[in-house]
Amino acid sequence: MLAYGYPVQPEKDSLVDLVNTIVYQFGQGTDPNVFLVDVASALEYVPAWSPGAGWKPTAEKAKKTLIPST
């Protein structure tokens, strides 16, 4: 409340849960060399179901968290 004027609920605050989810997903996406596409950029163009494209579902989930209408 002090910094942003938002009263945080003591139990199950939806905004706090959303921020925690976004920070976790951001950490997954920015951790270097976790996904094979960080080493072999050509994997950007393979379908999501193929081996080595495990980053695509993670990115899609993060996108839906940030932009719920897609």
PDB file of N, CA and C in Angstrom:
ATOM      1  N   MET A   1       0.830  -1.189   0.000  1.00  0.00           N
ATOM      2  CA  MET A   1       0.000   0.000   0.000  1.00  0.00           C
ATOM      3  C   MET A   1       0.875   1.254   0.000  1.00  0.00           C
ATOM      4  N   LEU A   2       1.979   1.160   0.653  1.00  0.00           N
ATOM      5  CA  LEU A   2       2.842   2.325   0.797  1.00  0.00           C
ATOM      6  C   LEU A   2       3.396   2.808  -0.549  1.00  0.00           C
ATOM      7  N   ALA A   3       3.823   1.889  -1.393  1.00  0.00           N
ATOM      8  CA  ALA A   3       4.463   2.280  -2.652  1.00  0.00           C
ATOM      9  C   ALA A   3       3.476   2.606  -3.766  1.00  0.00           C
ATOM     10  N   TYR A   4       2.433   1.804  -3.923  1.00  0.00           N
ATOM     11  CA  TYR A   4       1.542   1.956  -5.079  1.00  0.00           C
ATOM     12  C   TYR A   4       0.100   2.301  -4.732  1.00  0.00           C
ATOM     13  N   GLY A   5      -0.244   2.311  -3.475  1.00  0.00           N
ATOM     14  CA  GLY A   5      -1.611   2.623  -3.077  1.00  0.00           C
ATOM     15  C   GLY A   5      -2.573   1.470  -3.298  1.00  0.00           C
ATOM     16  N   TYR A   6      -2.030   0.281  -3.494  1.00  0.00           N
ATOM     17  CA  TYR A   6      -2.868  -0.902  -3.712  1.00  0.00           C
ATOM     18  C   TYR A   6      -2.931  -1.695  -2.410  1.00  0.00           C
ATOM     19  N   PRO A   7      -4.128  -1.915  -1.870  1.00  0.00           N
ATOM     20  CA  PRO A   7      -4.224  -2.694  -0.635  1.00  0.00           C
ATOM     21  C   PRO A   7      -4.124  -4.197  -0.934  1.00  0.00           C
ATOM     22  N   VAL A   8      -3.035  -4.799  -0.551  1.00  0.00           N
ATOM     23  CA  VAL A   8      -2.814  -6.231  -0.792  1.00  0.00           C
ATOM     24  C   VAL A   8      -3.671  -7.035   0.169  1.00  0.00           C
ATOM     25  N   GLN A   9      -4.387  -8.002  -0.403  1.00  0.00           N
ATOM     26  CA  GLN A   9      -5.232  -8.871   0.414  1.00  0.00           C
ATOM     27  C   GLN A   9      -4.353  -9.894   1.139  1.00  0.00           C
ATOM     28  N   PRO A  10      -4.679 -10.221   2.386  1.00  0.00           N
ATOM     29  CA  PRO A  10      -3.843 -11.175   3.126  1.00  0.00           C
ATOM     30  C   PRO A  10      -3.919 -12.607   2.579  1.00  0.00           C
ATOM     31  N   GLU A  11      -4.996 -12.954   1.918  1.00  0.00           N
ATOM     32  CA  GLU A  11      -5.164 -14.301   1.376  1.00  0.00           C
ATOM     33  C   GLU A  11      -5.567 -14.228  -0.096  1.00  0.00           C
ATOM     34  N   LYS A  12      -4.868 -14.964  -0.945  1.00  0.00           N
ATOM     35  CA  LYS A  12      -5.239 -15.147  -2.360  1.00  0.00           C
ATOM     36  C   LYS A  12      -5.520 -13.837  -3.095  1.00  0.00           C
ATOM     37  N   ASP A  13      -4.553 -12.966  -3.124  1.00  0.00           N
ATOM     38  CA  ASP A  13      -4.689 -11.719  -3.880  1.00  0.00           C
ATOM     39  C   ASP A  13      -4.386 -12.017  -5.346  1.00  0.00           C
ATOM     40  N   SER A  14      -5.338 -11.766  -6.225  1.00  0.00           N
ATOM     41  CA  SER A  14      -5.185 -12.126  -7.638  1.00  0.00           C
ATOM     42  C   SER A  14      -4.063 -11.339  -8.318  1.00  0.00           C
ATOM     43  N   LEU A  15      -3.865 -10.089  -7.949  1.00  0.00           N
ATOM     44  CA  LEU A  15      -2.790  -9.302  -8.550  1.00  0.00           C
ATOM     45  C   LEU A  15      -1.416  -9.825  -8.119  1.00  0.00           C
ATOM     46  N   VAL A  16      -1.277 -10.177  -6.869  1.00  0.00           N
ATOM     47  CA  VAL A  16      -0.011 -10.738  -6.379  1.00  0.00           C
ATOM     48  C   VAL A  16       0.256 -12.079  -7.060  1.00  0.00           C
ATOM     49  N   ASP A  17      -0.768 -12.901  -7.216  1.00  0.00           N
ATOM     50  CA  ASP A  17      -0.614 -14.181  -7.911  1.00  0.00           C
ATOM     51  C   ASP A  17      -0.187 -13.972  -9.359  1.00  0.00           C
ATOM     52  N   LEU A  18      -0.775 -12.987 -10.040  1.00  0.00           N
ATOM     53  CA  LEU A  18      -0.416 -12.692 -11.425  1.00  0.00           C
ATOM     54  C   LEU A  18       1.039 -12.240 -11.524  1.00  0.00           C
ATOM     55  N   VAL A  19       1.452 -11.358 -10.633  1.00  0.00           N
ATOM     56  CA  VAL A  19       2.839 -10.881 -10.648  1.00  0.00           C
ATOM     57  C   VAL A  19       3.801 -12.032 -10.386  1.00  0.00           C
ATOM     58  N   ASN A  20       3.485 -12.904  -9.446  1.00  0.00           N
ATOM     59  CA  ASN A  20       4.338 -14.065  -9.175  1.00  0.00           C
ATOM     60  C   ASN A  20       4.457 -14.970 -10.401  1.00  0.00           C
ATOM     61  N   THR A  21       3.352 -15.189 -11.089  1.00  0.00           N
ATOM     62  CA  THR A  21       3.364 -16.020 -12.296  1.00  0.00           C
ATOM     63  C   THR A  21       4.215 -15.380 -13.383  1.00  0.00           C
ATOM     64  N   ILE A  22       4.070 -14.092 -13.593  1.00  0.00           N
ATOM     65  CA  ILE A  22       4.829 -13.390 -14.626  1.00  0.00           C
ATOM     66  C   ILE A  22       6.317 -13.406 -14.317  1.00  0.00           C
ATOM     67  N   VAL A  23       6.685 -13.187 -13.068  1.00  0.00           N
ATOM     68  CA  VAL A  23       8.097 -13.202 -12.687  1.00  0.00           C
ATOM     69  C   VAL A  23       8.687 -14.596 -12.880  1.00  0.00           C
ATOM     70  N   TYR A  24       7.941 -15.638 -12.528  1.00  0.00           N
ATOM     71  CA  TYR A  24       8.410 -17.009 -12.728  1.00  0.00           C
ATOM     72  C   TYR A  24       8.611 -17.307 -14.216  1.00  0.00           C
ATOM     73  N   GLN A  25       7.626 -16.945 -15.038  1.00  0.00           N
ATOM     74  CA  GLN A  25       7.726 -17.209 -16.471  1.00  0.00           C
ATOM     75  C   GLN A  25       8.851 -16.400 -17.109  1.00  0.00           C
ATOM     76  N   PHE A  26       9.046 -15.186 -16.660  1.00  0.00           N
ATOM     77  CA  PHE A  26      10.147 -14.365 -17.158  1.00  0.00           C
ATOM     78  C   PHE A  26      11.488 -15.017 -16.813  1.00  0.00           C
ATOM     79  N   GLY A  27      11.591 -15.537 -15.612  1.00  0.00           N
ATOM     80  CA  GLY A  27      12.813 -16.224 -15.202  1.00  0.00           C
ATOM     81  C   GLY A  27      13.092 -17.452 -16.048  1.00  0.00           C
ATOM     82  N   GLN A  28      12.051 -18.194 -16.383  1.00  0.00           N
ATOM     83  CA  GLN A  28      12.220 -19.362 -17.259  1.00  0.00           C
ATOM     84  C   GLN A  28      12.713 -18.956 -18.636  1.00  0.00           C
ATOM     85  N   GLY A  29      12.155 -17.899 -19.160  1.00  0.00           N
ATOM     86  CA  GLY A  29      12.481 -17.482 -20.523  1.00  0.00           C
ATOM     87  C   GLY A  29      13.821 -16.792 -20.670  1.00  0.00           C
ATOM     88  N   THR A  30      14.330 -16.225 -19.598  1.00  0.00           N
ATOM     89  CA  THR A  30      15.584 -15.481 -19.702  1.00  0.00           C
ATOM     90  C   THR A  30      16.780 -16.219 -19.128  1.00  0.00           C
ATOM     91  N   ASP A  31      16.567 -17.397 -18.584  1.00  0.00           N
ATOM     92  CA  ASP A  31      17.686 -18.191 -18.068  1.00  0.00           C
ATOM     93  C   ASP A  31      18.516 -18.681 -19.255  1.00  0.00           C
ATOM     94  N   PRO A  32      19.786 -18.314 -19.323  1.00  0.00           N
ATOM     95  CA  PRO A  32      20.575 -18.647 -20.514  1.00  0.00           C
ATOM     96  C   PRO A  32      20.798 -20.152 -20.690  1.00  0.00           C
ATOM     97  N   ASN A  33      20.687 -20.577 -21.924  1.00  0.00           N
ATOM     98  CA  ASN A  33      20.968 -21.947 -22.349  1.00  0.00           C
ATOM     99  C   ASN A  33      20.083 -23.009 -21.702  1.00  0.00           C
ATOM    100  N   VAL A  34      18.894 -22.633 -21.285  1.00  0.00           N
ATOM    101  CA  VAL A  34      17.932 -23.611 -20.777  1.00  0.00           C
ATOM    102  C   VAL A  34      17.271 -24.321 -21.943  1.00  0.00           C
ATOM    103  N   PHE A  35      16.964 -23.559 -22.966  1.00  0.00           N
ATOM    104  CA  PHE A  35      16.309 -24.119 -24.131  1.00  0.00           C
ATOM    105  C   PHE A  35      17.305 -24.254 -25.273  1.00  0.00           C
ATOM    106  N   LEU A  36      17.155 -25.300 -26.036  1.00  0.00           N
ATOM    107  CA  LEU A  36      18.071 -25.584 -27.136  1.00  0.00           C
ATOM    108  C   LEU A  36      18.074 -24.478 -28.190  1.00  0.00           C
ATOM    109  N   VAL A  37      16.976 -23.742 -28.311  1.00  0.00           N
ATOM    110  CA  VAL A  37      16.903 -22.662 -29.293  1.00  0.00           C
ATOM    111  C   VAL A  37      17.911 -21.552 -28.978  1.00  0.00           C
ATOM    112  N   ASP A  38      18.356 -21.462 -27.725  1.00  0.00           N
ATOM    113  CA  ASP A  38      19.370 -20.471 -27.363  1.00  0.00           C
ATOM    114  C   ASP A  38      20.714 -20.790 -28.015  1.00  0.00           C
ATOM    115  N   VAL A  39      20.948 -22.061 -28.297  1.00  0.00           N
ATOM    116  CA  VAL A  39      22.209 -22.491 -28.906  1.00  0.00           C
ATOM    117  C   VAL A  39      22.071 -22.618 -30.419  1.00  0.00           C
ATOM    118  N   ALA A  40      20.955 -23.167 -30.861  1.00  0.00           N
ATOM    119  CA  ALA A  40      20.705 -23.389 -32.293  1.00  0.00           C
ATOM    120  C   ALA A  40      19.484 -22.565 -32.702  1.00  0.00           C
ATOM    121  N   SER A  41      19.713 -21.359 -33.156  1.00  0.00           N
ATOM    122  CA  SER A  41      18.606 -20.447 -33.456  1.00  0.00           C
ATOM    123  C   SER A  41      17.699 -20.928 -34.591  1.00  0.00           C
ATOM    124  N   ALA A  42      18.153 -21.869 -35.382  1.00  0.00           N
ATOM    125  CA  ALA A  42      17.314 -22.400 -36.463  1.00  0.00           C
ATOM    126  C   ALA A  42      16.096 -23.141 -35.910  1.00  0.00           C
ATOM    127  N   LEU A  43      16.139 -23.558 -34.648  1.00  0.00           N
ATOM    128  CA  LEU A  43      15.002 -24.245 -34.034  1.00  0.00           C
ATOM    129  C   LEU A  43      13.795 -23.322 -33.848  1.00  0.00           C
ATOM    130  N   GLU A  44      13.984 -22.051 -34.081  1.00  0.00           N
ATOM    131  CA  GLU A  44      12.876 -21.102 -34.000  1.00  0.00           C
ATOM    132  C   GLU A  44      11.779 -21.461 -34.999  1.00  0.00           C
ATOM    133  N   TYR A  45      12.163 -22.103 -36.085  1.00  0.00           N
ATOM    134  CA  TYR A  45      11.222 -22.360 -37.184  1.00  0.00           C
ATOM    135  C   TYR A  45      10.634 -23.767 -37.190  1.00  0.00           C
ATOM    136  N   VAL A  46      10.983 -24.614 -36.227  1.00  0.00           N
ATOM    137  CA  VAL A  46      10.424 -25.965 -36.197  1.00  0.00           C
ATOM    138  C   VAL A  46       9.064 -25.935 -35.508  1.00  0.00           C
ATOM    139  N   PRO A  47       8.205 -26.904 -35.827  1.00  0.00           N
ATOM    140  CA  PRO A  47       6.882 -26.944 -35.190  1.00  0.00           C
ATOM    141  C   PRO A  47       6.989 -27.217 -33.684  1.00  0.00           C
ATOM    142  N   ALA A  48       5.988 -26.815 -32.936  1.00  0.00           N
ATOM    143  CA  ALA A  48       6.005 -26.956 -31.474  1.00  0.00           C
ATOM    144  C   ALA A  48       6.042 -28.412 -31.024  1.00  0.00           C
ATOM    145  N   TRP A  49       5.557 -29.326 -31.836  1.00  0.00           N
ATOM    146  CA  TRP A  49       5.513 -30.730 -31.446  1.00  0.00           C
ATOM    147  C   TRP A  49       6.841 -31.448 -31.656  1.00  0.00           C
ATOM    148  N   SER A  50       7.763 -30.868 -32.365  1.00  0.00           N
ATOM    149  CA  SER A  50       9.014 -31.562 -32.684  1.00  0.00           C
ATOM    150  C   SER A  50      10.002 -31.525 -31.514  1.00  0.00           C
ATOM    151  N   PRO A  51      10.903 -32.505 -31.435  1.00  0.00           N
ATOM    152  CA  PRO A  51      11.916 -32.511 -30.381  1.00  0.00           C
ATOM    153  C   PRO A  51      12.800 -31.268 -30.469  1.00  0.00           C
ATOM    154  N   GLY A  52      13.119 -30.701 -29.339  1.00  0.00           N
ATOM    155  CA  GLY A  52      13.940 -29.506 -29.301  1.00  0.00           C
ATOM    156  C   GLY A  52      13.159 -28.218 -29.313  1.00  0.00           C
ATOM    157  N   ALA A  53      11.835 -28.311 -29.426  1.00  0.00           N
ATOM    158  CA  ALA A  53      11.006 -27.110 -29.466  1.00  0.00           C
ATOM    159  C   ALA A  53      10.201 -26.952 -28.181  1.00  0.00           C
ATOM    160  N   GLY A  54      10.737 -27.437 -27.086  1.00  0.00           N
ATOM    161  CA  GLY A  54      10.041 -27.348 -25.804  1.00  0.00           C
ATOM    162  C   GLY A  54       9.834 -25.928 -25.317  1.00  0.00           C
ATOM    163  N   TRP A  55      10.578 -25.008 -25.873  1.00  0.00           N
ATOM    164  CA  TRP A  55      10.443 -23.614 -25.478  1.00  0.00           C
ATOM    165  C   TRP A  55       9.172 -22.974 -26.029  1.00  0.00           C
ATOM    166  N   LYS A  56       8.643 -23.521 -27.104  1.00  0.00           N
ATOM    167  CA  LYS A  56       7.466 -22.905 -27.730  1.00  0.00           C
ATOM    168  C   LYS A  56       6.227 -22.944 -26.835  1.00  0.00           C
ATOM    169  N   PRO A  57       5.887 -24.086 -26.215  1.00  0.00           N
ATOM    170  CA  PRO A  57       4.725 -24.070 -25.305  1.00  0.00           C
ATOM    171  C   PRO A  57       4.948 -23.142 -24.102  1.00  0.00           C
ATOM    172  N   THR A  58       6.186 -23.065 -23.623  1.00  0.00           N
ATOM    173  CA  THR A  58       6.492 -22.174 -22.507  1.00  0.00           C
ATOM    174  C   THR A  58       6.278 -20.720 -22.914  1.00  0.00           C
ATOM    175  N   ALA A  59       6.723 -20.369 -24.107  1.00  0.00           N
ATOM    176  CA  ALA A  59       6.551 -19.000 -24.601  1.00  0.00           C
ATOM    177  C   ALA A  59       5.077 -18.690 -24.846  1.00  0.00           C
ATOM    178  N   GLU A  60       4.343 -19.647 -25.368  1.00  0.00           N
ATOM    179  CA  GLU A  60       2.920 -19.426 -25.627  1.00  0.00           C
ATOM    180  C   GLU A  60       2.150 -19.234 -24.322  1.00  0.00           C
ATOM    181  N   LYS A  61       2.497 -20.006 -23.304  1.00  0.00           N
ATOM    182  CA  LYS A  61       1.847 -19.877 -21.999  1.00  0.00           C
ATOM    183  C   LYS A  61       2.134 -18.497 -21.395  1.00  0.00           C
ATOM    184  N   ALA A  62       3.378 -18.042 -21.510  1.00  0.00           N
ATOM    185  CA  ALA A  62       3.742 -16.720 -20.994  1.00  0.00           C
ATOM    186  C   ALA A  62       3.007 -15.629 -21.763  1.00  0.00           C
ATOM    187  N   LYS A  63       2.866 -15.807 -23.059  1.00  0.00           N
ATOM    188  CA  LYS A  63       2.146 -14.818 -23.873  1.00  0.00           C
ATOM    189  C   LYS A  63       0.687 -14.729 -23.438  1.00  0.00           C
ATOM    190  N   LYS A  64       0.071 -15.878 -23.158  1.00  0.00           N
ATOM    191  CA  LYS A  64      -1.329 -15.879 -22.728  1.00  0.00           C
ATOM    192  C   LYS A  64      -1.490 -15.270 -21.325  1.00  0.00           C
ATOM    193  N   THR A  65      -0.450 -15.369 -20.512  1.00  0.00           N
ATOM    194  CA  THR A  65      -0.499 -14.738 -19.200  1.00  0.00           C
ATOM    195  C   THR A  65      -0.476 -13.225 -19.345  1.00  0.00           C
ATOM    196  N   LEU A  66       0.388 -12.735 -20.234  1.00  0.00           N
ATOM    197  CA  LEU A  66       0.524 -11.295 -20.409  1.00  0.00           C
ATOM    198  C   LEU A  66      -0.596 -10.679 -21.239  1.00  0.00           C
ATOM    199  N   ILE A  67      -1.061 -11.426 -22.258  1.00  0.00           N
ATOM    200  CA  ILE A  67      -2.095 -10.930 -23.166  1.00  0.00           C
ATOM    201  C   ILE A  67      -3.218 -11.981 -23.180  1.00  0.00           C
ATOM    202  N   PRO A  68      -4.133 -11.933 -22.227  1.00  0.00           N
ATOM    203  CA  PRO A  68      -5.138 -12.997 -22.069  1.00  0.00           C
ATOM    204  C   PRO A  68      -6.069 -13.199 -23.257  1.00  0.00           C
ATOM    205  N   SER A  69      -6.230 -12.222 -24.135  1.00  0.00           N
ATOM    206  CA  SER A  69      -7.183 -12.361 -25.233  1.00  0.00           C
ATOM    207  C   SER A  69      -6.664 -13.192 -26.396  1.00  0.00           C
ATOM    208  N   THR A  70      -5.366 -13.593 -26.402  1.00  0.00           N
ATOM    209  CA  THR A  70      -4.836 -14.370 -27.522  1.00  0.00           C
ATOM    210  C   THR A  70      -4.900 -15.846 -27.254  1.00  0.00           C
TER     211      THR A  70
END
